[in-house]
C-alpha atoms as a PDB file:
ATOM      1  CA  MET A   1       8.881 -14.422  14.459  1.00  0.00           C
ATOM      2  CA  ASN A   2      10.955 -17.340  14.557  1.00  0.00           C
ATOM      3  CA  ASP A   3      14.175 -18.004  16.225  1.00  0.00           C
ATOM      4  CA  GLY A   4      15.378 -20.840  14.321  1.00  0.00           C
ATOM      5  CA  GLY A   5      14.800 -23.910  16.787  1.00  0.00           C
ATOM      6  CA  GLY A   6      10.686 -23.741  17.082  1.00  0.00           C
ATOM      7  CA  GLN A   7      10.054 -21.854  19.307  1.00  0.00           C
ATOM      8  CA  ARG A   8       8.756 -17.816  18.872  1.00  0.00           C
ATOM      9  CA  ARG A   9      11.117 -14.995  20.520  1.00  0.00           C
ATOM     10  CA  PHE A  10       8.698 -11.892  21.014  1.00  0.00           C
ATOM     11  CA  GLY A  11      10.623  -8.468  20.562  1.00  0.00           C
ATOM     12  CA  PRO A  12       8.959  -4.711  22.411  1.00  0.00           C
ATOM     13  CA  LEU A  13       5.188  -4.573  21.813  1.00  0.00           C
ATOM     14  CA  GLY A  14       6.091  -0.840  20.127  1.00  0.00           C
ATOM     15  CA  THR A  15       3.403   1.606  20.410  1.00  0.00           C
ATOM     16  CA  VAL A  16      -0.381   0.796  20.597  1.00  0.00           C
ATOM     17  CA  LEU A  17      -2.907   1.940  18.534  1.00  0.00           C
ATOM     18  CA  VAL A  18      -6.773   0.961  19.598  1.00  0.00           C
ATOM     19  CA  ILE A  19      -8.998   0.698  16.674  1.00  0.00           C
ATOM     20  CA  VAL A  20     -13.122   2.111  17.475  1.00  0.00           C
ATOM     21  CA  PRO A  21     -15.132   1.975  14.432  1.00  0.00           C
ATOM     22  CA  THR A  22     -18.155   3.650  14.899  1.00  0.00           C
ATOM     23  CA  TYR A  23     -21.442   3.948  12.926  1.00  0.00           C
ATOM     24  CA  ASN A  24     -24.113   6.023  15.358  1.00  0.00           C
ATOM     25  CA  GLU A  25     -22.203   6.369  18.583  1.00  0.00           C
ATOM     26  CA  ALA A  26     -22.530   9.728  19.983  1.00  0.00           C
ATOM     27  CA  GLU A  27     -23.919   8.882  22.499  1.00  0.00           C
ATOM     28  CA  ASN A  28     -21.225   6.531  23.668  1.00  0.00           C
ATOM     29  CA  ILE A  29     -17.413   7.755  21.985  1.00  0.00           C
ATOM     30  CA  GLU A  30     -16.702   9.997  24.347  1.00  0.00           C
ATOM     31  CA  ALA A  31     -16.603   8.251  27.341  1.00  0.00           C
ATOM     32  CA  VAL A  32     -15.287   4.752  25.484  1.00  0.00           C
ATOM     33  CA  VAL A  33     -11.983   7.136  24.005  1.00  0.00           C
ATOM     34  CA  ALA A  34     -11.195   8.854  27.288  1.00  0.00           C
ATOM     35  CA  ARG A  35     -11.553   5.674  29.491  1.00  0.00           C
ATOM     36  CA  VAL A  36      -8.943   3.965  26.843  1.00  0.00           C
ATOM     37  CA  ARG A  37      -7.113   7.318  27.480  1.00  0.00           C
ATOM     38  CA  ALA A  38      -7.006   6.975  31.080  1.00  0.00           C
ATOM     39  CA  ALA A  39      -6.750   2.767  31.293  1.00  0.00           C
ATOM     40  CA  VAL A  40      -3.431   3.272  28.838  1.00  0.00           C
ATOM     41  CA  PRO A  41      -2.363   6.333  28.662  1.00  0.00           C
ATOM     42  CA  GLU A  42       0.116   5.906  26.043  1.00  0.00           C
ATOM     43  CA  ALA A  43      -2.426   4.473  23.716  1.00  0.00           C
ATOM     44  CA  HIS A  44      -3.052   5.974  20.556  1.00  0.00           C
ATOM     45  CA  VAL A  45      -7.189   5.943  19.701  1.00  0.00           C
ATOM     46  CA  LEU A  46      -8.223   5.465  16.013  1.00  0.00           C
ATOM     47  CA  VAL A  47     -12.315   6.054  16.028  1.00  0.00           C
ATOM     48  CA  ALA A  48     -12.812   5.004  12.054  1.00  0.00           C
ATOM     49  CA  ASP A  49     -15.852   6.089  11.041  1.00  0.00           C
ATOM     50  CA  ASP A  50     -18.481   5.015   8.903  1.00  0.00           C
ATOM     51  CA  ASN A  51     -20.036   8.384   8.684  1.00  0.00           C
ATOM     52  CA  SER A  52     -22.497   8.482  11.082  1.00  0.00           C
ATOM     53  CA  PRO A  53     -25.456  10.405  10.235  1.00  0.00           C
ATOM     54  CA  ASP A  54     -25.866  11.212  14.531  1.00  0.00           C
ATOM     55  CA  GLY A  55     -23.110  13.591  14.264  1.00  0.00           C
ATOM     56  CA  THR A  56     -20.031  10.595  15.949  1.00  0.00           C
ATOM     57  CA  GLY A  57     -17.558  11.964  13.589  1.00  0.00           C
ATOM     58  CA  LYS A  58     -18.014  15.326  14.357  1.00  0.00           C
ATOM     59  CA  ILE A  59     -18.156  14.520  18.272  1.00  0.00           C
ATOM     60  CA  ALA A  60     -14.507  12.360  17.129  1.00  0.00           C
ATOM     61  CA  ASP A  61     -12.695  15.468  15.757  1.00  0.00           C
ATOM     62  CA  GLU A  62     -13.471  17.923  18.530  1.00  0.00           C
ATOM     63  CA  LEU A  63     -11.707  14.585  20.973  1.00  0.00           C
ATOM     64  CA  ALA A  64      -9.015  14.728  18.386  1.00  0.00           C
ATOM     65  CA  ALA A  65      -8.473  18.211  18.066  1.00  0.00           C
ATOM     66  CA  ALA A  66      -7.977  17.833  22.029  1.00  0.00           C
ATOM     67  CA  ASP A  67      -5.983  15.156  22.078  1.00  0.00           C
ATOM     68  CA  PRO A  68      -2.636  14.473  19.798  1.00  0.00           C
ATOM     69  CA  GLN A  69      -3.387  10.754  20.728  1.00  0.00           C
ATOM     70  CA  VAL A  70      -6.996  10.645  19.464  1.00  0.00           C
ATOM     71  CA  SER A  71      -7.447  10.635  14.972  1.00  0.00           C
ATOM     72  CA  VAL A  72     -10.226  10.459  13.208  1.00  0.00           C
ATOM     73  CA  LEU A  73     -10.861   8.319  10.216  1.00  0.00           C
ATOM     74  CA  HIS A  74     -13.491   9.489   7.883  1.00  0.00           C
ATOM     75  CA  ARG A  75     -14.784   6.122   6.042  1.00  0.00           C
ATOM     76  CA  ARG A  76     -17.505   7.152   2.646  1.00  0.00           C
ATOM     77  CA  GLY A  77     -20.524   5.297   4.764  1.00  0.00           C
ATOM     78  CA  LYS A  78     -21.505   1.689   6.224  1.00  0.00           C
ATOM     79  CA  GLU A  79     -19.545  -0.763   4.731  1.00  0.00           C
ATOM     80  CA  GLY A  80     -19.406  -2.818   7.748  1.00  0.00           C
ATOM     81  CA  LEU A  81     -17.420  -3.579  10.644  1.00  0.00           C
ATOM     82  CA  GLY A  82     -14.554  -5.926   8.728  1.00  0.00           C
ATOM     83  CA  ALA A  83     -14.229  -3.414   6.316  1.00  0.00           C
ATOM     84  CA  ALA A  84     -13.652  -0.421   9.245  1.00  0.00           C
ATOM     85  CA  TYR A  85     -11.102  -2.592  11.116  1.00  0.00           C
ATOM     86  CA  LEU A  86      -9.191  -3.461   7.647  1.00  0.00           C
ATOM     87  CA  ALA A  87      -8.716   0.068   7.008  1.00  0.00           C
ATOM     88  CA  GLY A  88      -8.137   0.882  10.456  1.00  0.00           C
ATOM     89  CA  PHE A  89      -5.297  -2.182  10.297  1.00  0.00           C
ATOM     90  CA  ALA A  90      -3.483  -0.117   7.100  1.00  0.00           C
ATOM     91  CA  TRP A  91      -3.710   2.698   8.524  1.00  0.00           C
ATOM     92  CA  GLY A  92      -1.368   1.996  11.521  1.00  0.00           C
ATOM     93  CA  ALA A  93       0.441   0.080   9.341  1.00  0.00           C
ATOM     94  CA  GLU A  94       1.037   2.989   7.561  1.00  0.00           C
ATOM     95  CA  ARG A  95       2.280   4.950  10.761  1.00  0.00           C
ATOM     96  CA  GLY A  96       4.370   2.474  11.918  1.00  0.00           C
ATOM     97  CA  PHE A  97       2.028   1.256  15.392  1.00  0.00           C
ATOM     98  CA  GLY A  98       3.559  -1.894  16.827  1.00  0.00           C
ATOM     99  CA  VAL A  99       0.148  -2.819  18.089  1.00  0.00           C
ATOM    100  CA  LEU A 100      -2.842  -3.053  17.017  1.00  0.00           C
ATOM    101  CA  VAL A 101      -6.286  -2.968  19.026  1.00  0.00           C
ATOM    102  CA  GLU A 102      -9.650  -3.977  17.931  1.00  0.00           C
ATOM    103  CA  MET A 103     -12.399  -2.571  20.912  1.00  0.00           C
ATOM    104  CA  ASP A 104     -15.922  -1.257  20.155  1.00  0.00           C
ATOM    105  CA  ALA A 105     -17.713   1.912  20.608  1.00  0.00           C
ATOM    106  CA  ASP A 106     -20.414   1.166  22.670  1.00  0.00           C
ATOM    107  CA  GLY A 107     -18.843   0.189  26.109  1.00  0.00           C
ATOM    108  CA  SER A 108     -19.334  -3.615  26.012  1.00  0.00           C
ATOM    109  CA  HIS A 109     -15.362  -3.605  25.596  1.00  0.00           C
ATOM    110  CA  GLN A 110     -13.700  -2.776  29.221  1.00  0.00           C
ATOM    111  CA  PRO A 111     -11.328  -0.251  28.582  1.00  0.00           C
ATOM    112  CA  GLU A 112      -9.931  -0.638  32.095  1.00  0.00           C
ATOM    113  CA  GLU A 113      -9.352  -4.421  31.294  1.00  0.00           C
ATOM    114  CA  LEU A 114      -6.866  -3.822  28.016  1.00  0.00           C
ATOM    115  CA  PRO A 115      -3.944  -4.020  30.230  1.00  0.00           C
ATOM    116  CA  ARG A 116      -4.023  -6.875  31.167  1.00  0.00           C
ATOM    117  CA  LEU A 117      -4.607  -7.643  26.779  1.00  0.00           C
ATOM    118  CA  LEU A 118      -1.035  -6.082  26.080  1.00  0.00           C
ATOM    119  CA  THR A 119       0.754  -7.665  28.791  1.00  0.00           C
ATOM    120  CA  ALA A 120      -0.149 -11.198  27.522  1.00  0.00           C
ATOM    121  CA  LEU A 121       0.882  -9.828  24.314  1.00  0.00           C
ATOM    122  CA  LYS A 122       3.761  -9.696  25.491  1.00  0.00           C
ATOM    123  CA  GLY A 123       4.151 -13.274  25.238  1.00  0.00           C
ATOM    124  CA  ALA A 124       2.075 -14.007  22.282  1.00  0.00           C
ATOM    125  CA  ASP A 125       0.880 -12.952  18.641  1.00  0.00           C
ATOM    126  CA  VAL A 126      -2.279 -12.371  19.133  1.00  0.00           C
ATOM    127  CA  VAL A 127      -4.530 -11.808  22.458  1.00  0.00           C
ATOM    128  CA  LEU A 128      -8.079 -12.867  22.602  1.00  0.00           C
ATOM    129  CA  GLY A 129     -10.286 -10.867  25.416  1.00  0.00           C
ATOM    130  CA  SER A 130     -12.497 -13.923  25.939  1.00  0.00           C
ATOM    131  CA  ARG A 131     -16.283 -14.291  27.329  1.00  0.00           C
ATOM    132  CA  TRP A 132     -15.924 -18.209  27.625  1.00  0.00           C
ATOM    133  CA  VAL A 133     -12.727 -18.977  29.279  1.00  0.00           C
ATOM    134  CA  PRO A 134     -12.839 -19.930  32.684  1.00  0.00           C
ATOM    135  CA  GLY A 135     -13.440 -16.497  34.570  1.00  0.00           C
ATOM    136  CA  GLY A 136     -14.923 -14.699  32.073  1.00  0.00           C
ATOM    137  CA  ARG A 137     -18.278 -13.402  31.742  1.00  0.00           C
ATOM    138  CA  ILE A 138     -21.378 -11.443  30.497  1.00  0.00           C
ATOM    139  CA  VAL A 139     -23.370  -8.524  31.955  1.00  0.00           C
ATOM    140  CA  ASN A 140     -27.368  -8.313  30.922  1.00  0.00           C
ATOM    141  CA  TRP A 141     -27.237 -10.113  28.234  1.00  0.00           C
ATOM    142  CA  PRO A 142     -30.625 -12.263  27.467  1.00  0.00           C
ATOM    143  CA  ARG A 143     -30.101 -15.896  27.573  1.00  0.00           C
ATOM    144  CA  SER A 144     -31.165 -15.586  23.931  1.00  0.00           C
ATOM    145  CA  ARG A 145     -28.535 -13.779  22.532  1.00  0.00           C
ATOM    146  CA  GLU A 146     -26.289 -15.559  24.979  1.00  0.00           C
ATOM    147  CA  PHE A 147     -26.991 -19.046  23.405  1.00  0.00           C
ATOM    148  CA  LEU A 148     -26.414 -17.590  19.885  1.00  0.00           C
ATOM    149  CA  SER A 149     -23.174 -16.089  20.912  1.00  0.00           C
ATOM    150  CA  ARG A 150     -22.085 -19.534  22.755  1.00  0.00           C
ATOM    151  CA  GLY A 151     -23.151 -21.759  19.569  1.00  0.00           C
ATOM    152  CA  GLY A 152     -21.353 -19.213  16.949  1.00  0.00           C
ATOM    153  CA  SER A 153     -18.011 -19.662  18.797  1.00  0.00           C
ATOM    154  CA  THR A 154     -18.852 -23.657  19.226  1.00  0.00           C
ATOM    155  CA  TYR A 155     -20.159 -24.261  15.814  1.00  0.00           C
ATOM    156  CA  SER A 156     -17.532 -22.196  14.149  1.00  0.00           C
ATOM    157  CA  ARG A 157     -14.352 -24.126  16.473  1.00  0.00           C
ATOM    158  CA  LEU A 158     -15.698 -27.286  15.955  1.00  0.00           C
ATOM    159  CA  LEU A 159     -15.949 -27.267  12.182  1.00  0.00           C
ATOM    160  CA  LEU A 160     -12.773 -24.807  11.286  1.00  0.00           C
ATOM    161  CA  ASP A 161     -10.560 -26.654  13.618  1.00  0.00           C
ATOM    162  CA  VAL A 162      -9.351 -24.263  15.374  1.00  0.00           C
ATOM    163  CA  PRO A 163      -8.656 -24.270  19.636  1.00  0.00           C
ATOM    164  CA  ILE A 164     -10.181 -21.338  20.572  1.00  0.00           C
ATOM    165  CA  ARG A 165     -13.035 -20.216  23.291  1.00  0.00           C
ATOM    166  CA  ASP A 166     -14.634 -17.484  22.225  1.00  0.00           C
ATOM    167  CA  VAL A 167     -14.057 -17.232  17.963  1.00  0.00           C
ATOM    168  CA  THR A 168     -16.432 -15.019  17.596  1.00  0.00           C
ATOM    169  CA  GLY A 169     -15.612 -12.031  20.704  1.00  0.00           C
ATOM    170  CA  GLY A 170     -13.786  -8.536  18.862  1.00  0.00           C
ATOM    171  CA  PHE A 171     -11.418  -7.182  21.840  1.00  0.00           C
ATOM    172  CA  ARG A 172      -8.438  -9.105  20.583  1.00  0.00           C
ATOM    173  CA  ALA A 173      -4.865  -7.428  20.630  1.00  0.00           C
ATOM    174  CA  PHE A 174      -2.333  -8.125  17.292  1.00  0.00           C
ATOM    175  CA  ARG A 175       1.221  -7.689  17.222  1.00  0.00           C
ATOM    176  CA  ALA A 176       1.741  -5.777  13.929  1.00  0.00           C
ATOM    177  CA  GLU A 177       4.555  -8.234  12.310  1.00  0.00           C
ATOM    178  CA  ALA A 178       1.495 -10.746  13.491  1.00  0.00           C
ATOM    179  CA  LEU A 179      -1.188  -8.906  10.970  1.00  0.00           C
ATOM    180  CA  LYS A 180       1.076  -9.192   7.880  1.00  0.00           C
ATOM    181  CA  GLU A 181       1.359 -12.739   8.256  1.00  0.00           C
ATOM    182  CA  LEU A 182      -2.840 -13.453   7.959  1.00  0.00           C
ATOM    183  CA  GLY A 183      -3.251 -12.626   4.316  1.00  0.00           C
ATOM    184  CA  LEU A 184      -5.953  -9.650   4.870  1.00  0.00           C
ATOM    185  CA  ARG A 185      -5.795  -8.537   0.653  1.00  0.00           C
ATOM    186  CA  ASP A 186      -8.315 -11.245   0.305  1.00  0.00           C
ATOM    187  CA  VAL A 187     -10.374 -11.105   3.300  1.00  0.00           C
ATOM    188  CA  ALA A 188     -14.462 -10.949   1.952  1.00  0.00           C
ATOM    189  CA  SER A 189     -15.816 -10.819   4.954  1.00  0.00           C
ATOM    190  CA  GLN A 190     -17.521  -8.035   6.686  1.00  0.00           C
ATOM    191  CA  GLY A 191     -19.466  -8.429   9.594  1.00  0.00           C
ATOM    192  CA  TYR A 192     -19.054 -10.309  12.912  1.00  0.00           C
ATOM    193  CA  CYS A 193     -18.115 -13.284  10.648  1.00  0.00           C
ATOM    194  CA  PHE A 194     -14.808 -10.983  10.179  1.00  0.00           C
ATOM    195  CA  GLN A 195     -13.761 -11.851  13.717  1.00  0.00           C
ATOM    196  CA  VAL A 196     -14.051 -15.614  13.054  1.00  0.00           C
ATOM    197  CA  ASP A 197     -12.178 -15.441   9.491  1.00  0.00           C
ATOM    198  CA  LEU A 198      -8.769 -13.985  11.405  1.00  0.00           C
ATOM    199  CA  ALA A 199      -8.914 -16.333  14.137  1.00  0.00           C
ATOM    200  CA  ARG A 200      -8.590 -18.987  11.953  1.00  0.00           C
ATOM    201  CA  ARG A 201      -6.186 -17.324   9.885  1.00  0.00           C
ATOM    202  CA  ALA A 202      -4.053 -16.494  13.066  1.00  0.00           C
ATOM    203  CA  VAL A 203      -3.988 -20.562  13.511  1.00  0.00           C
ATOM    204  CA  ARG A 204      -3.664 -21.452  10.408  1.00  0.00           C
ATOM    205  CA  ALA A 205      -0.563 -19.176  10.260  1.00  0.00           C
ATOM    206  CA  GLY A 206       0.733 -21.007  13.258  1.00  0.00           C
ATOM    207  CA  LEU A 207       1.118 -17.631  15.325  1.00  0.00           C
ATOM    208  CA  ARG A 208       0.245 -17.981  19.085  1.00  0.00           C
ATOM    209  CA  VAL A 209      -2.750 -16.861  19.977  1.00  0.00           C
ATOM    210  CA  VAL A 210      -4.030 -16.401  23.592  1.00  0.00           C
ATOM    211  CA  GLU A 211      -7.327 -15.991  25.148  1.00  0.00           C
ATOM    212  CA  VAL A 212      -7.641 -13.852  28.714  1.00  0.00           C
ATOM    213  CA  PRO A 213     -10.897 -13.717  30.402  1.00  0.00           C
ATOM    214  CA  ILE A 214     -13.113 -10.443  30.283  1.00  0.00           C
ATOM    215  CA  THR A 215     -16.153  -9.076  31.255  1.00  0.00           C
ATOM    216  CA  PHE A 216     -18.624  -8.008  28.279  1.00  0.00           C
ATOM    217  CA  VAL A 217     -21.328  -5.728  29.546  1.00  0.00           C
ATOM    218  CA  GLU A 218     -24.229  -5.154  27.085  1.00  0.00           C
ATOM    219  CA  ARG A 219     -24.666  -1.889  25.911  1.00  0.00           C
ATOM    220  CA  GLU A 220     -26.659   0.843  27.740  1.00  0.00           C
ATOM    221  CA  ARG A 221     -27.144   3.468  25.403  1.00  0.00           C
ATOM    222  CA  GLY A 222     -27.635   3.222  21.327  1.00  0.00           C
ATOM    223  CA  ASP A 223     -28.383   0.827  19.010  1.00  0.00           C
ATOM    224  CA  SER A 224     -26.974  -3.446  18.995  1.00  0.00           C
ATOM    225  CA  LYS A 225     -25.803  -3.712  14.847  1.00  0.00           C
ATOM    226  CA  MET A 226     -26.487  -7.072  15.402  1.00  0.00           C
ATOM    227  CA  SER A 227     -29.038  -8.250  12.986  1.00  0.00           C
ATOM    228  CA  ARG A 228     -30.600 -11.649  10.936  1.00  0.00           C
ATOM    229  CA  ASP A 229     -27.906 -10.865   8.047  1.00  0.00           C
ATOM    230  CA  ILE A 230     -24.889 -11.002  10.122  1.00  0.00           C
ATOM    231  CA  VAL A 231     -25.656 -13.623  11.721  1.00  0.00           C
ATOM    232  CA  VAL A 232     -26.400 -15.687   7.988  1.00  0.00           C
ATOM    233  CA  GLU A 233     -23.346 -13.980   6.260  1.00  0.00           C
ATOM    234  CA  ALA A 234     -21.536 -15.541   9.881  1.00  0.00           C
ATOM    235  CA  LEU A 235     -22.540 -19.127   9.264  1.00  0.00           C
ATOM    236  CA  TRP A 236     -22.709 -19.672   5.437  1.00  0.00           C
ATOM    237  CA  ARG A 237     -19.236 -18.463   5.507  1.00  0.00           C
ATOM    238  CA  VAL A 238     -18.266 -20.950   8.360  1.00  0.00           C
ATOM    239  CA  THR A 239     -19.952 -23.733   6.860  1.00  0.00           C
ATOM    240  CA  ALA A 240     -18.385 -23.110   3.528  1.00  0.00           C
ATOM    241  CA  TRP A 241     -14.873 -23.031   5.135  1.00  0.00           C
ATOM    242  CA  GLY A 242     -14.739 -25.919   7.146  1.00  0.00           C
ATOM    243  CA  VAL A 243     -16.470 -27.952   3.977  1.00  0.00           C
ATOM    244  CA  ALA A 244     -13.585 -26.448   1.978  1.00  0.00           C
ATOM    245  CA  GLY A 245     -11.146 -27.455   4.722  1.00  0.00           C
ATOM    246  CA  ARG A 246     -12.120 -30.819   5.130  1.00  0.00           C
ATOM    247  CA  VAL A 247     -12.316 -31.503   1.565  1.00  0.00           C
ATOM    248  CA  GLY A 248      -8.666 -30.862   0.883  1.00  0.00           C
ATOM    249  CA  SER A 249      -7.470 -32.723   3.732  1.00  0.00           C
ATOM    250  CA  ILE A 250      -9.547 -35.893   2.177  1.00  0.00           C
ATOM    251  CA  LEU A 251      -8.198 -34.732  -1.581  1.00  0.00           C
ATOM    252  CA  GLY A 252      -4.422 -34.265   0.256  1.00  0.00           C
ATOM    253  CA  ARG A 253      -4.276 -37.693   2.025  1.00  0.00           C
ATOM    254  CA  ARG A 254      -5.813 -39.453  -1.196  1.00  0.00           C
ATOM    255  CA  GLY A 255      -3.099 -37.518  -3.052  1.00  0.00           C
ATOM    256  CA  ARG A 256       0.136 -39.460  -0.569  1.00  0.00           C
END
């Protein structure tokens, strides 16, 4: 939104939908949903399950049957984090939710911190929960994982020229109208690179993006979905975006 004088104005947030993608999170999903509902009782939760073979979808169905503010989106199979969130965004948009939140199912994102993200969203279009701003921290990560995450965020920030400290973080709140400005129909990234893609799109669209510190806790149960393929995808996509942006800038200057 813009008021015509160069200053953005922000209306009421509307109803909140927390999207929780799952694949084999049977050990975690019940506790995470309960914590979200306790932290923000007015929020709705959508579990987007990629046909988990461990029965996560069945547990989610039981939660939905017991709570009208919990819904389940059953997907055909494991298609990646980005595809799950895009499906969740579309589901929420069709039902008129005003705020769409990304949150991991493994407990690494603390639902108790969600009220701070929503408070910050009252004066922003997008709020990112950040591990790498003052006050942010991580718990129980090995040095190698911290180096990979910090390095990935720094590389993405510098190459893409986005003023965001935690470009790869996945605990985020979007105003629904802000998502409409991101051109989501041509998003191709699927892994954690999806988070980088949305961040750069938000900056390019001129949206007000705010980071708030969070505490990120390594999962205690279940297996991490991080893999070598995810890292490789992120590296080549970020590099391609950065090179294309710089070439476009150079050609634009030459054409003046």
